[in-house]
Amino acid sequence: MAGIAVREAERGSPDANIANVWDGIWWAVTTVTTVGYGDYYPTTPLGRLIAVGLMLIGIALIGVVTGSIATWFVEKLEGTEEAVDAAIEEAGAVTDAKLAEVLVELREVPRLLEEGRSVAGSSG
């Protein structure tokens, strides 16, 4: 729409370099995507006003797309963070249980050593 509008605004201007609708569409696409080759540009006040509007729309569009992508990544990372936290909690619980088993066995060591001394002393 902006390409057609700027073409109409430029029609009849001796300095216009947007000569047809396709030039206007090319100008609009390169402007809204912020590529801005500079091969076509509006020369009339109305054409430049349309250009300013299109530039603002282009910046807003890029901002919305970038924001949407960033939000998607943040949501994916939040899910990953929750999964990692759950895995750490589970690993901690398993580790605590294993440590409790080892502690029980370690507490038995003095008794087993004493029994071993008793058996060794009685057989000698």
Protein backbone atom coordinates (compact mmCIF):
# COMPACT_ATOMS: atom_id res chain seq x y z
CA MET A 1 0.00 0.00 0.00
CA ALA A 2 2.83 2.39 0.87
CA GLY A 3 4.52 1.63 -2.45
CA ILE A 4 1.40 2.55 -4.37
CA ALA A 5 0.78 5.61 -2.18
CA VAL A 6 4.32 6.94 -2.63
CA ARG A 7 4.08 6.37 -6.38
CA GLU A 8 0.93 8.47 -6.47
CA ALA A 9 2.57 11.15 -4.29
CA GLU A 10 5.61 11.25 -6.59
CA ARG A 11 3.62 11.31 -9.85
CA GLY A 12 4.32 14.46 -11.77
CA SER A 13 7.37 15.51 -9.75
CA PRO A 14 10.32 16.31 -12.04
CA ASP A 15 12.78 14.93 -9.43
CA ALA A 16 10.86 11.67 -8.84
CA ASN A 17 12.84 8.47 -9.27
CA ILE A 18 9.95 6.17 -8.40
CA ALA A 19 8.57 5.95 -11.92
CA ASN A 20 6.02 3.14 -11.64
CA VAL A 21 4.13 1.00 -9.14
CA TRP A 22 6.81 -1.72 -9.16
CA ASP A 23 9.47 0.84 -8.25
CA GLY A 24 7.19 1.96 -5.42
CA ILE A 25 6.70 -1.59 -4.18
CA TRP A 26 10.46 -2.23 -4.36
CA TRP A 27 11.10 0.97 -2.40
CA ALA A 28 8.47 -0.01 0.20
CA VAL A 29 9.90 -3.53 0.68
CA THR A 30 13.48 -2.29 1.07
CA THR A 31 12.32 0.44 3.43
CA VAL A 32 10.08 -1.65 5.68
CA THR A 33 12.77 -4.33 6.03
CA THR A 34 15.30 -1.62 6.91
CA VAL A 35 17.55 -2.66 4.00
CA GLY A 36 17.12 0.72 2.33
CA TYR A 37 19.31 0.36 -0.78
CA GLY A 38 18.77 4.01 -1.64
CA ASP A 39 18.20 3.32 -5.32
CA TYR A 40 14.64 4.62 -4.99
CA TYR A 41 13.49 7.30 -2.58
CA PRO A 42 10.66 9.81 -2.36
CA THR A 43 11.39 13.42 -3.25
CA THR A 44 8.07 15.15 -2.54
CA PRO A 45 6.92 16.25 0.93
CA LEU A 46 3.93 13.89 0.79
CA GLY A 47 6.11 11.02 -0.42
CA ARG A 48 8.54 11.64 2.44
CA LEU A 49 5.69 11.72 4.94
CA ILE A 50 4.54 8.33 3.65
CA ALA A 51 8.17 7.17 3.97
CA VAL A 52 8.32 8.24 7.62
CA GLY A 53 5.12 6.31 8.34
CA LEU A 54 6.47 3.24 6.59
CA MET A 55 9.77 3.47 8.48
CA LEU A 56 7.93 3.62 11.81
CA ILE A 57 5.83 0.62 10.80
CA GLY A 58 9.01 -1.23 9.76
CA ILE A 59 10.72 -0.50 13.06
CA ALA A 60 7.61 -1.57 14.98
CA LEU A 61 7.35 -4.76 12.92
CA ILE A 62 11.00 -5.64 13.54
CA GLY A 63 10.48 -4.93 17.25
CA VAL A 64 7.42 -7.16 17.47
CA VAL A 65 9.12 -10.02 15.63
CA THR A 66 12.27 -9.71 17.75
CA GLY A 67 10.20 -9.53 20.94
CA SER A 68 8.21 -12.61 19.94
CA ILE A 69 11.36 -14.60 19.23
CA ALA A 70 12.94 -13.49 22.51
CA THR A 71 9.78 -14.45 24.42
CA TRP A 72 9.78 -17.88 22.78
CA PHE A 73 13.42 -18.45 23.81
CA VAL A 74 12.77 -17.28 27.38
CA GLU A 75 9.76 -19.60 27.70
CA LYS A 76 11.81 -22.54 26.36
CA LEU A 77 14.66 -21.75 28.77
CA GLU A 78 12.26 -21.46 31.71
CA GLY A 79 10.95 -24.94 30.96
CA THR A 80 14.51 -26.22 30.76
CA GLU A 81 15.43 -24.50 34.01
CA GLU A 82 12.49 -26.13 35.78
CA ALA A 83 13.48 -29.55 34.42
CA VAL A 84 17.08 -29.05 35.56
CA ASP A 85 15.93 -27.96 39.02
CA ALA A 86 13.71 -31.05 39.30
CA ALA A 87 16.58 -33.30 38.20
CA ILE A 88 18.89 -31.70 40.76
CA GLU A 89 16.31 -32.21 43.50
CA GLU A 90 15.85 -35.84 42.51
CA ALA A 91 19.61 -36.39 42.36
CA GLY A 92 19.94 -34.76 45.78
CA ALA A 93 17.32 -37.08 47.27
CA VAL A 94 19.05 -40.15 45.79
CA THR A 95 22.42 -38.90 47.06
CA ASP A 96 21.00 -38.32 50.54
CA ALA A 97 19.58 -41.87 50.62
CA LYS A 98 22.90 -43.36 49.46
CA LEU A 99 24.82 -41.34 52.06
CA ALA A 100 22.44 -42.57 54.77
CA GLU A 101 23.14 -46.19 53.72
CA VAL A 102 26.89 -45.58 53.78
CA LEU A 103 26.63 -43.99 57.24
CA VAL A 104 24.75 -47.02 58.59
CA GLU A 105 27.45 -49.30 57.20
CA LEU A 106 30.23 -47.12 58.61
CA ARG A 107 28.65 -47.26 62.05
CA GLU A 108 28.85 -51.05 61.83
CA VAL A 109 32.60 -51.03 61.15
CA PRO A 110 33.74 -50.73 64.81
CA ARG A 111 31.44 -53.57 65.83
CA LEU A 112 32.64 -55.77 63.00
CA LEU A 113 36.26 -54.98 63.85
CA GLU A 114 35.64 -55.91 67.47
CA GLU A 115 33.98 -59.16 66.42
CA GLY A 116 36.94 -59.88 64.16
CA ARG A 117 39.39 -59.32 67.04
CA SER A 118 37.33 -61.57 69.28
CA VAL A 119 37.30 -64.35 66.72
CA ALA A 120 41.02 -63.93 66.06
CA GLY A 121 41.85 -63.86 69.76
CA SER A 122 39.88 -67.00 70.55
CA SER A 123 41.37 -69.00 67.71
CA GLY A 124 44.95 -68.12 68.58
